[in-house]
Protein backbone atom coordinates (compact mmCIF):
# COMPACT_ATOMS: atom_id res chain seq x y z
CA MET A 1 -17.89 -25.57 7.48
CA ALA A 2 -17.90 -28.70 5.69
CA ILE A 3 -15.20 -27.25 3.88
CA SER A 4 -13.05 -27.51 6.96
CA LYS A 5 -14.07 -31.54 7.82
CA LEU A 6 -12.22 -31.79 4.54
CA LEU A 7 -9.35 -30.21 5.25
CA GLU A 8 -9.45 -32.14 8.61
CA GLN A 9 -9.40 -35.42 5.95
CA ALA A 10 -6.57 -34.52 4.31
CA GLY A 11 -4.32 -33.50 7.30
CA GLY A 12 -5.73 -30.14 9.03
CA MET A 13 -3.10 -27.89 9.46
CA GLY A 14 0.46 -29.73 7.89
CA LEU A 15 3.55 -29.51 5.86
CA PHE A 16 1.37 -27.72 2.70
CA GLN A 17 -0.10 -25.03 4.93
CA THR A 18 3.37 -23.93 5.82
CA LEU A 19 4.48 -23.70 2.56
CA GLN A 20 1.25 -22.11 1.31
CA VAL A 21 2.04 -19.19 3.63
CA LEU A 22 5.43 -19.03 3.11
CA THR A 23 4.52 -18.91 -0.87
CA PHE A 24 2.17 -15.82 0.49
CA ILE A 25 4.57 -14.21 2.13
CA LEU A 26 6.88 -13.61 -0.72
CA PRO A 27 4.37 -11.00 -2.42
CA CYS A 28 3.42 -9.53 0.50
CA LEU A 29 6.87 -9.01 1.50
CA VAL A 30 6.87 -6.97 -2.22
CA ILE A 31 3.39 -5.36 -2.30
CA PRO A 32 4.67 -2.38 0.49
CA SER A 33 7.19 -1.51 -2.09
CA GLN A 34 4.87 -0.87 -4.74
CA MET A 35 1.85 1.03 -2.37
CA LEU A 36 4.54 3.31 -1.20
CA LEU A 37 6.87 3.63 -3.67
CA GLU A 38 6.03 7.05 -4.57
CA ASN A 39 6.97 8.19 -0.96
CA PHE A 40 10.62 8.10 -2.53
CA SER A 41 10.23 7.57 -6.23
CA ALA A 42 7.91 11.14 -6.22
CA ALA A 43 9.65 12.83 -2.89
CA VAL A 44 10.06 16.61 -3.95
CA PRO A 45 13.59 17.41 -4.12
CA GLY A 46 14.90 21.38 -3.22
CA HIS A 47 14.45 23.41 -6.01
CA ARG A 48 14.86 26.50 -7.63
CA CYS A 49 14.83 28.23 -11.15
CA TRP A 50 17.20 28.08 -13.77
CA THR A 51 19.08 31.52 -14.03
CA HIS A 52 21.79 32.96 -16.42
CA MET A 53 24.07 33.67 -13.87
CA LEU A 54 24.14 31.01 -11.88
CA ASP A 55 23.68 27.70 -14.55
CA ASN A 56 25.15 28.70 -17.94
CA GLY A 57 29.11 28.38 -16.58
CA SER A 58 30.32 31.36 -19.33
CA ALA A 59 28.18 33.92 -17.90
CA VAL A 60 29.13 33.51 -14.11
CA PRO A 61 31.92 35.80 -13.10
CA ALA A 62 34.77 34.47 -11.57
CA ASN A 63 35.08 36.64 -8.80
CA MET A 64 31.34 35.86 -7.19
CA THR A 65 30.81 32.70 -4.05
CA LEU A 66 27.23 31.73 -4.51
CA LYS A 67 25.80 32.97 -2.06
CA ALA A 68 26.33 36.26 -4.34
CA LEU A 69 24.91 34.65 -7.47
CA LEU A 70 21.78 33.32 -5.49
CA THR A 71 21.06 36.64 -3.64
CA ILE A 72 21.04 38.34 -7.34
CA SER A 73 19.62 36.11 -8.99
CA ILE A 74 16.90 34.64 -6.61
CA PRO A 75 14.46 36.58 -4.51
CA PRO A 76 14.08 35.21 -0.96
CA GLY A 77 11.10 32.96 -0.28
CA PRO A 78 8.36 32.82 2.58
CA ASN A 79 11.43 31.47 4.90
CA TRP A 80 13.98 33.83 3.72
CA GLU A 81 15.37 30.92 1.88
CA PRO A 82 16.01 31.43 -1.86
CA HIS A 83 12.48 31.22 -3.83
CA GLN A 84 11.65 27.79 -5.40
CA CYS A 85 9.26 29.36 -7.91
CA ARG A 86 10.53 32.87 -8.91
CA ARG A 87 13.69 34.36 -10.06
CA PHE A 88 14.64 37.97 -10.91
CA ARG A 89 14.21 39.61 -15.22
CA GLN A 90 17.20 40.86 -14.66
CA PRO A 91 20.24 40.47 -12.08
CA GLN A 92 19.72 42.83 -8.94
CA TRP A 93 23.10 44.18 -8.01
CA GLN A 94 21.98 46.74 -5.74
CA LEU A 95 21.11 43.63 -3.25
CA LEU A 96 24.92 43.12 -2.90
CA ASP A 97 25.17 46.36 -0.99
CA PRO A 98 25.01 45.23 2.69
CA ASN A 99 22.54 48.26 3.76
CA ALA A 100 19.97 46.91 0.97
CA THR A 101 16.75 46.14 2.34
CA ALA A 102 13.41 44.04 1.12
CA THR A 103 12.03 47.13 -0.12
CA SER A 104 15.20 47.36 -2.56
CA TRP A 105 13.51 45.14 -5.25
CA SER A 106 9.83 44.15 -6.20
CA GLU A 107 7.64 41.75 -7.10
CA ALA A 108 7.55 43.26 -10.63
CA ASP A 109 11.14 42.70 -11.00
CA THR A 110 10.40 38.58 -10.77
CA GLU A 111 9.22 36.16 -13.28
CA PRO A 112 8.29 32.68 -13.00
CA CYS A 113 10.83 29.70 -13.91
CA VAL A 114 10.23 30.28 -17.68
CA ASP A 115 13.51 28.44 -17.96
CA GLY A 116 12.79 25.27 -15.62
CA TRP A 117 14.35 24.04 -12.49
CA VAL A 118 17.43 23.31 -10.61
CA TYR A 119 17.31 20.30 -8.35
CA ASP A 120 19.20 19.34 -5.31
CA ARG A 121 20.85 15.82 -5.89
CA SER A 122 22.06 15.39 -3.12
CA VAL A 123 19.35 13.00 -1.48
CA PHE A 124 17.58 11.84 -5.12
CA THR A 125 19.72 11.81 -7.61
CA SER A 126 16.20 11.20 -9.78
CA THR A 127 12.70 11.68 -9.16
CA ILE A 128 9.10 11.75 -11.09
CA VAL A 129 9.02 15.30 -9.72
CA ALA A 130 12.43 16.22 -11.35
CA LYS A 131 11.59 14.34 -14.39
CA TRP A 132 8.27 15.73 -15.23
CA ASP A 133 8.77 19.17 -13.44
CA LEU A 134 6.00 18.74 -10.74
CA VAL A 135 6.68 21.65 -8.99
CA CYS A 136 5.19 25.20 -8.22
CA SER A 137 2.23 25.81 -10.79
CA SER A 138 2.41 22.06 -11.44
CA GLN A 139 2.82 20.49 -8.06
CA GLY A 140 -0.87 19.59 -8.36
CA LEU A 141 0.06 17.16 -10.43
CA LYS A 142 2.28 15.04 -7.96
CA PRO A 143 -0.71 13.17 -5.87
CA LEU A 144 -2.08 12.26 -9.58
CA SER A 145 -0.30 8.93 -10.05
CA GLN A 146 -0.96 8.19 -6.75
CA SER A 147 -4.80 8.57 -7.17
CA ILE A 148 -4.73 6.92 -10.29
CA PHE A 149 -3.11 4.23 -8.91
CA MET A 150 -5.14 3.54 -5.80
CA SER A 151 -8.41 3.64 -8.41
CA GLY A 152 -6.53 0.59 -10.01
CA ILE A 153 -7.45 -0.94 -7.04
CA LEU A 154 -10.51 0.51 -6.49
CA VAL A 155 -11.63 -1.13 -10.18
CA GLY A 156 -9.57 -4.21 -9.79
CA SER A 157 -11.52 -5.27 -6.15
CA PHE A 158 -14.42 -4.96 -8.64
CA ILE A 159 -13.87 -6.97 -11.53
CA TRP A 160 -11.14 -9.61 -10.30
CA GLY A 161 -13.90 -10.38 -7.68
CA LEU A 162 -16.29 -11.94 -10.66
CA VAL A 163 -13.10 -12.92 -12.59
CA SER A 164 -12.30 -15.30 -9.91
CA TYR A 165 -15.23 -16.90 -9.19
CA ARG A 166 -15.53 -17.42 -13.16
CA PHE A 167 -12.10 -19.05 -13.72
CA GLY A 168 -10.65 -19.80 -10.51
CA ARG A 169 -8.23 -18.53 -7.82
CA LYS A 170 -5.03 -19.86 -8.86
CA PRO A 171 -5.12 -18.80 -12.75
CA MET A 172 -5.91 -15.18 -11.86
CA LEU A 173 -2.93 -15.34 -9.16
CA SER A 174 -0.60 -16.16 -11.52
CA TRP A 175 -1.65 -13.63 -14.18
CA CYS A 176 -2.43 -10.53 -11.85
CA CYS A 177 1.74 -11.01 -11.02
CA LEU A 178 2.50 -11.34 -14.02
CA GLN A 179 0.75 -8.37 -14.95
CA LEU A 180 1.72 -6.04 -12.25
CA ALA A 181 5.61 -7.20 -13.13
CA VAL A 182 5.40 -6.17 -16.92
CA ALA A 183 3.25 -2.93 -15.73
CA GLY A 184 5.92 -1.93 -12.99
CA THR A 185 8.61 -2.42 -15.04
CA SER A 186 7.15 -0.48 -17.97
CA THR A 187 7.17 2.66 -15.93
CA ILE A 188 10.67 3.08 -16.37
CA PHE A 189 10.44 3.94 -19.94
CA ALA A 190 7.22 5.76 -19.40
CA PRO A 191 7.91 9.15 -21.98
CA THR A 192 5.52 11.09 -20.42
CA LEU A 193 3.50 11.71 -16.96
CA VAL A 194 -0.04 10.58 -18.60
CA ILE A 195 1.90 7.06 -19.94
CA TYR A 196 3.38 6.88 -16.45
CA CYS A 197 -0.14 6.68 -14.83
CA GLY A 198 -1.81 4.98 -17.13
CA LEU A 199 1.22 2.03 -16.24
CA ARG A 200 0.84 2.58 -12.75
CA PHE A 201 -2.76 2.31 -13.22
CA VAL A 202 -2.52 -1.07 -14.65
CA ALA A 203 0.00 -2.18 -11.82
CA ALA A 204 -2.50 -1.25 -8.96
CA PHE A 205 -5.03 -3.30 -11.25
CA GLY A 206 -3.29 -6.40 -11.32
CA MET A 207 -2.18 -6.13 -7.24
CA ALA A 208 -5.65 -5.88 -6.45
CA GLY A 209 -6.06 -9.78 -8.22
CA ILE A 210 -2.52 -10.54 -5.94
CA LEU A 211 -4.27 -9.45 -2.57
CA LEU A 212 -7.58 -10.94 -3.41
CA SER A 213 -6.79 -14.40 -4.44
CA SER A 214 -3.92 -14.91 -2.01
CA LEU A 215 -6.39 -14.06 0.39
CA THR A 216 -8.98 -16.19 -0.85
CA LEU A 217 -6.81 -19.00 -1.76
CA MET A 218 -5.32 -19.10 2.14
CA VAL A 219 -8.41 -18.98 3.79
CA GLU A 220 -10.13 -21.68 1.91
CA TRP A 221 -6.98 -23.81 2.68
CA THR A 222 -6.57 -23.08 6.46
CA MET A 223 -8.71 -24.76 9.51
CA THR A 224 -11.07 -22.40 10.72
CA SER A 225 -9.12 -22.36 14.11
CA ARG A 226 -5.57 -21.23 12.42
CA ARG A 227 -6.77 -18.41 10.28
CA ALA A 228 -6.55 -15.90 12.85
CA ALA A 229 -2.52 -17.19 13.38
CA THR A 230 -2.35 -17.24 9.56
CA MET A 231 -3.63 -13.53 8.96
CA THR A 232 -1.66 -12.51 11.65
CA VAL A 233 1.55 -13.52 9.75
CA VAL A 234 1.00 -12.72 6.73
CA GLY A 235 0.03 -9.23 8.07
CA CYS A 236 3.74 -9.14 9.81
CA ALA A 237 5.06 -10.01 6.49
CA PHE A 238 3.16 -6.72 4.88
CA SER A 239 5.05 -4.86 7.34
CA ALA A 240 8.46 -6.57 6.98
CA GLY A 241 7.97 -5.30 3.24
CA GLN A 242 6.57 -1.50 4.85
CA ALA A 243 10.35 -1.62 7.02
CA ALA A 244 12.55 -3.40 4.41
CA LEU A 245 11.38 -0.42 1.88
CA GLY A 246 13.06 2.29 3.85
CA GLY A 247 16.64 0.39 3.73
CA LEU A 248 15.36 -0.10 -0.31
CA ALA A 249 15.24 3.73 -1.07
CA PHE A 250 18.08 4.79 0.54
CA ALA A 251 20.09 1.76 -1.40
CA LEU A 252 18.24 2.68 -4.59
CA ARG A 253 18.05 7.06 -5.00
CA ASP A 254 17.06 6.78 -8.51
CA TRP A 255 13.14 6.69 -9.11
CA ARG A 256 13.84 3.97 -11.97
CA THR A 257 16.24 1.61 -10.06
CA LEU A 258 13.57 1.54 -7.25
CA GLN A 259 10.74 0.99 -9.89
CA LEU A 260 12.52 -1.73 -11.40
CA ALA A 261 13.45 -3.37 -8.12
CA ALA A 262 10.27 -3.17 -6.92
CA SER A 263 8.14 -4.85 -9.97
CA VAL A 264 10.89 -7.67 -11.14
CA PRO A 265 10.12 -9.92 -8.41
CA PHE A 266 6.80 -10.46 -9.19
CA PHE A 267 7.99 -12.54 -12.38
CA ALA A 268 9.34 -14.87 -10.15
CA ILE A 269 6.44 -14.76 -8.37
CA SER A 270 4.11 -15.59 -10.93
CA LEU A 271 5.91 -18.86 -11.80
CA ILE A 272 6.39 -20.14 -8.26
CA SER A 273 2.73 -19.22 -7.65
CA TRP A 274 1.99 -21.94 -10.60
CA TRP A 275 2.97 -25.43 -7.26
CA LEU A 276 -0.50 -23.73 -5.32
CA PRO A 277 -3.40 -26.14 -5.86
CA GLU A 278 -7.00 -24.63 -7.11
CA SER A 279 -9.22 -24.00 -4.28
CA ALA A 280 -11.16 -27.47 -3.48
CA ARG A 281 -14.18 -25.49 -2.27
CA TRP A 282 -14.11 -23.58 -5.58
CA LEU A 283 -13.94 -26.87 -7.71
CA ILE A 284 -17.11 -28.19 -5.88
CA ILE A 285 -19.07 -24.92 -6.25
CA LYS A 286 -18.31 -25.00 -10.06
CA GLY A 287 -19.68 -28.81 -10.68
CA LYS A 288 -15.78 -30.52 -11.04
CA PRO A 289 -15.70 -32.79 -7.98
CA ASP A 290 -13.31 -34.81 -9.98
CA GLN A 291 -10.39 -32.41 -10.11
CA ALA A 292 -11.61 -31.50 -5.81
CA LEU A 293 -10.37 -34.64 -5.12
CA GLN A 294 -7.53 -34.22 -7.07
CA GLU A 295 -6.32 -31.32 -5.54
CA LEU A 296 -7.47 -32.95 -2.11
CA ARG A 297 -4.91 -36.18 -2.36
CA LYS A 298 -2.16 -33.77 -2.99
CA VAL A 299 -2.48 -31.94 -0.33
CA ALA A 300 -3.26 -34.71 1.55
CA ARG A 301 0.50 -36.79 0.23
CA ILE A 302 2.35 -33.39 1.21
CA ASN A 303 0.95 -33.14 4.85
CA GLY A 304 1.85 -37.10 4.80
CA HIS A 305 -1.61 -37.72 5.83
CA LYS A 306 -1.97 -41.93 4.86
CA GLU A 307 -5.89 -41.31 5.25
CA ALA A 308 -6.30 -39.85 2.03
CA LYS A 309 -7.73 -42.95 0.76
CA ASN A 310 -10.73 -42.57 2.55
CA LEU A 311 -11.73 -39.42 0.54
CA THR A 312 -14.25 -40.20 -2.19
CA ILE A 313 -16.59 -38.86 -4.52
CA GLU A 314 -18.87 -39.72 -2.61
CA VAL A 315 -17.71 -38.13 0.60
CA LEU A 316 -16.77 -34.78 -1.38
CA MET A 317 -20.40 -34.22 -2.33
CA SER A 318 -22.13 -35.29 0.82
CA SER A 319 -19.71 -33.35 3.00
CA MET A 320 -20.10 -30.02 0.31
CA GLU A 321 -24.04 -30.36 -0.73
CA GLU A 322 -25.20 -28.00 1.67
CA GLU A 323 -22.60 -25.26 0.98
CA ALA A 324 -22.65 -25.56 -2.55
CA ALA A 325 -26.34 -24.76 -2.19
CA ALA A 326 -26.07 -22.30 -0.37
CA ALA A 327 -23.09 -20.95 -2.16
CA LYS A 328 -25.68 -20.88 -5.47
CA GLU A 329 -28.26 -18.67 -3.63
CA PRO A 330 -27.72 -14.88 -4.92
CA ARG A 331 -26.11 -12.32 -2.20
CA SER A 332 -25.50 -8.99 -1.89
CA VAL A 333 -23.79 -5.74 0.18
CA LEU A 334 -27.96 -5.11 0.43
CA ASP A 335 -28.03 -7.78 2.22
CA LEU A 336 -26.09 -6.45 5.27
CA PHE A 337 -28.76 -3.80 5.65
CA CYS A 338 -31.70 -6.12 5.57
CA VAL A 339 -31.45 -7.57 9.30
CA PRO A 340 -31.30 -4.70 12.43
CA VAL A 341 -28.90 -6.36 14.07
CA LEU A 342 -26.45 -6.90 10.72
CA ARG A 343 -27.36 -3.09 9.57
CA TRP A 344 -26.25 -1.23 12.91
CA ARG A 345 -23.21 -3.70 12.84
CA SER A 346 -22.49 -2.45 9.35
CA CYS A 347 -22.79 1.11 9.97
CA ALA A 348 -20.59 0.95 12.69
CA MET A 349 -18.44 -0.84 10.36
CA LEU A 350 -17.95 1.87 8.12
CA VAL A 351 -17.30 4.04 9.94
CA VAL A 352 -14.29 2.52 12.15
CA ASN A 353 -12.82 1.53 8.35
CA PHE A 354 -13.43 4.59 6.86
CA SER A 355 -11.58 6.63 10.00
CA LEU A 356 -9.24 4.34 10.32
CA MET A 357 -8.16 3.62 6.52
CA ILE A 358 -8.77 7.50 5.71
CA SER A 359 -6.00 8.38 9.13
CA TYR A 360 -3.13 5.52 7.97
CA TYR A 361 -3.21 6.15 4.43
CA GLY A 362 -2.73 9.63 5.09
CA LEU A 363 -0.02 9.08 7.70
CA VAL A 364 1.91 6.42 5.29
CA PHE A 365 1.74 8.51 2.22
CA ASP A 366 3.13 11.95 3.55
CA LEU A 367 6.43 10.91 5.13
CA GLN A 368 8.22 14.81 3.78
CA SER A 369 6.18 16.60 6.13
CA LEU A 370 7.02 14.15 9.42
CA GLY A 371 10.51 14.65 8.91
CA ARG A 372 13.56 14.92 7.20
CA ASP A 373 14.95 11.66 7.19
CA ILE A 374 12.47 10.31 5.39
CA PHE A 375 14.21 6.40 5.05
CA LEU A 376 14.74 6.04 8.64
CA LEU A 377 10.83 6.98 8.59
CA GLN A 378 9.57 4.25 6.26
CA ALA A 379 11.59 1.60 8.45
CA LEU A 380 10.46 2.73 11.80
CA PHE A 381 6.49 2.97 10.80
CA GLY A 382 7.21 -1.03 9.11
CA ALA A 383 9.29 -1.83 12.33
CA VAL A 384 6.74 -0.75 14.92
CA ASP A 385 3.76 -2.02 12.40
CA PHE A 386 5.15 -5.57 12.67
CA LEU A 387 5.59 -5.07 17.04
CA GLY A 388 1.53 -4.16 16.94
CA ARG A 389 0.48 -6.95 14.66
CA ALA A 390 2.67 -9.35 16.29
CA THR A 391 1.43 -8.64 19.74
CA THR A 392 -2.49 -8.21 18.71
CA ALA A 393 -3.41 -11.53 19.14
CA LEU A 394 -1.85 -11.74 22.91
CA LEU A 395 -3.67 -8.33 23.75
CA LEU A 396 -7.07 -9.62 22.11
CA SER A 397 -6.91 -12.96 24.51
CA PHE A 398 -6.55 -10.25 27.80
CA LEU A 399 -8.53 -7.46 26.72
CA GLY A 400 -10.98 -8.35 24.34
CA ARG A 401 -11.88 -7.51 20.66
CA ARG A 402 -14.20 -4.57 21.41
CA THR A 403 -11.51 -2.88 23.99
CA ILE A 404 -8.33 -3.57 21.37
CA GLN A 405 -10.57 -1.67 18.91
CA ALA A 406 -11.51 0.90 20.38
CA GLY A 407 -8.59 1.61 22.87
CA SER A 408 -6.08 1.63 19.64
CA GLN A 409 -7.80 3.92 17.37
CA VAL A 410 -8.30 6.31 20.03
CA MET A 411 -4.41 5.74 20.86
CA ALA A 412 -3.51 6.47 17.48
CA GLY A 413 -5.96 9.61 17.04
CA LEU A 414 -4.25 11.31 20.00
CA ALA A 415 -0.71 10.59 18.68
CA ILE A 416 -1.41 11.85 15.64
CA LEU A 417 -3.47 15.11 17.40
CA ALA A 418 -0.23 15.59 19.25
CA ASN A 419 2.23 15.01 16.46
CA MET A 420 0.19 18.01 14.92
CA LEU A 421 0.84 20.29 17.89
CA VAL A 422 4.66 19.87 18.05
CA PRO A 423 6.37 22.49 16.62
CA GLN A 424 8.15 21.80 13.16
CA ASP A 425 11.18 21.90 14.57
CA LEU A 426 10.84 19.47 16.96
CA GLN A 427 11.62 16.58 15.05
CA THR A 428 12.31 14.33 17.02
CA LEU A 429 9.27 14.34 18.97
CA ARG A 430 7.12 14.57 15.79
CA VAL A 431 8.83 11.32 14.98
CA VAL A 432 8.03 9.56 18.22
CA PHE A 433 4.21 10.70 17.96
CA ALA A 434 4.23 9.50 14.48
CA VAL A 435 5.86 6.40 15.37
CA LEU A 436 3.45 5.44 18.30
CA GLY A 437 0.29 6.43 15.65
CA LYS A 438 1.46 4.26 13.20
CA GLY A 439 2.11 0.93 15.53
CA CYS A 440 -1.80 2.20 17.12
CA PHE A 441 -3.08 1.28 13.41
CA GLY A 442 -0.80 -1.54 12.98
CA ILE A 443 -2.67 -2.97 16.11
CA SER A 444 -6.21 -1.35 15.43
CA LEU A 445 -6.30 -3.08 11.39
CA THR A 446 -4.72 -6.61 12.85
CA CYS A 447 -7.70 -6.52 15.39
CA LEU A 448 -10.28 -5.22 12.87
CA SER A 449 -9.82 -8.01 10.20
CA ILE A 450 -10.45 -10.44 12.87
CA TYR A 451 -13.78 -9.01 14.69
CA LYS A 452 -15.06 -8.44 10.64
CA ALA A 453 -15.25 -12.26 10.61
CA GLU A 454 -16.81 -12.84 13.39
CA LEU A 455 -19.52 -10.04 13.39
CA PHE A 456 -20.92 -11.83 10.24
CA PRO A 457 -22.77 -15.11 9.59
CA THR A 458 -20.31 -16.95 7.41
CA PRO A 459 -22.84 -16.43 4.03
CA LEU A 460 -22.68 -12.67 4.30
CA ARG A 461 -18.69 -12.44 5.32
CA LYS A 462 -17.44 -12.19 1.53
CA SER A 463 -20.09 -9.59 1.10
CA THR A 464 -18.58 -7.61 4.14
CA ALA A 465 -15.05 -8.00 3.04
CA ALA A 466 -15.90 -7.16 -0.56
CA GLN A 467 -17.71 -3.68 0.91
CA GLY A 468 -15.11 -3.09 3.08
CA ASN A 469 -12.33 -3.24 0.19
CA ARG A 470 -14.05 -1.28 -1.82
CA GLN A 471 -15.02 1.79 1.08
CA GLU A 472 -10.91 1.28 1.61
CA ALA A 473 -9.46 2.34 -2.09
CA VAL A 474 -12.01 5.22 -2.33
CA THR A 475 -11.16 6.15 0.92
CA VAL A 476 -7.49 5.77 -0.22
CA GLU A 477 -8.14 7.53 -3.63
CA SER A 478 -9.29 10.65 -2.12
CA THR A 479 -6.67 10.89 0.70
CA SER A 480 -3.88 10.42 -1.68
CA LEU A 481 -5.61 13.86 -3.80
């Protein structure tokens, strides 16, 4: 590529590229906390109906134990534990008789939790489920906020792509970081679930812009030969952020405090991002060669490359003339289906991407169904994901793309299937299979990101990426529902 030749004249891979990667690592460490936040902020605590006998201090008989009060106030649930969604209309004193049976009361003696619920605060001091009573008849509203969040990423992947091409990558990155910080922080003041969901949508909308602009800037300032390694480093940072979320949520048991901790860092990231130069490629394509030359010389100075004086407007224009002309040609996702070979590859990638995304996010969005200690599980998921991503490059060099892609997905599928077949009481074994599946998914995701870039010609890679991002957002949105 012509831009690679210009980057060579600006020092190739040097101090600037190192500082740039370190800058992009910052949002990658925090973004998982935003995406997976509701594993903790929307966790469902243990709950039961509020009753006069149990929860009205003046009505509690002094000589009765808590177990006896529960027996006469709350009917047994499916597992013979106190029912979470029904209570007795009147205290059932006959149930204190040791000879009492299930026939000692009927469904007509019960009613819904008309006075609200009492929540177990031993694990989480506060969650959005407890705040807005998203249990029992309202439990269907719980996944709504996560689905709306993913809708924000879907809409953002459409809108920010157009904005980035028109106004540039750098200002979009700074603005989106600020937008996410403000919207994320504002959610802690949301008085209703509707406003909370709206703010989460705005935050996700900004997150889509951060992912798009940071990835584009990193690719356009990195030598082609080093892009795979750079993407692996950033992917490992994303995995480290997942692991860190487990520790962060363990330390911060209130959903507002956790939300604040996951949002405030983006204020700092917004300020830090201003040092990044605008994409020289974008500046040249938009007819701003003077600014592109300034940015290239700035990068060359940071890299300590003394031959930057050889970079002139003439060199710039002659190097990028062909690429600038190609960029002005209209391209769309439909171009991927015009050539038989590309059509086959596109359809195959759609199937692979769909199966991977729906399995991956179905796993990471539902920690409570996998084990009791979701903090440890989140940390293990992040750690094994880090290990999988870090070793992918080595595995690819020995076994090749196709073998790793197919093998990792088959192993992940077998691990998840085995997890489904293990009885609920064997929690340790269930966690082992879930963690194994998550590690295989990490390998598969990293391999797929490299594989996709190599299967399609350069002019169509952005269309491929856009298609994949939109499919991912749609898949994840349906998974969260």
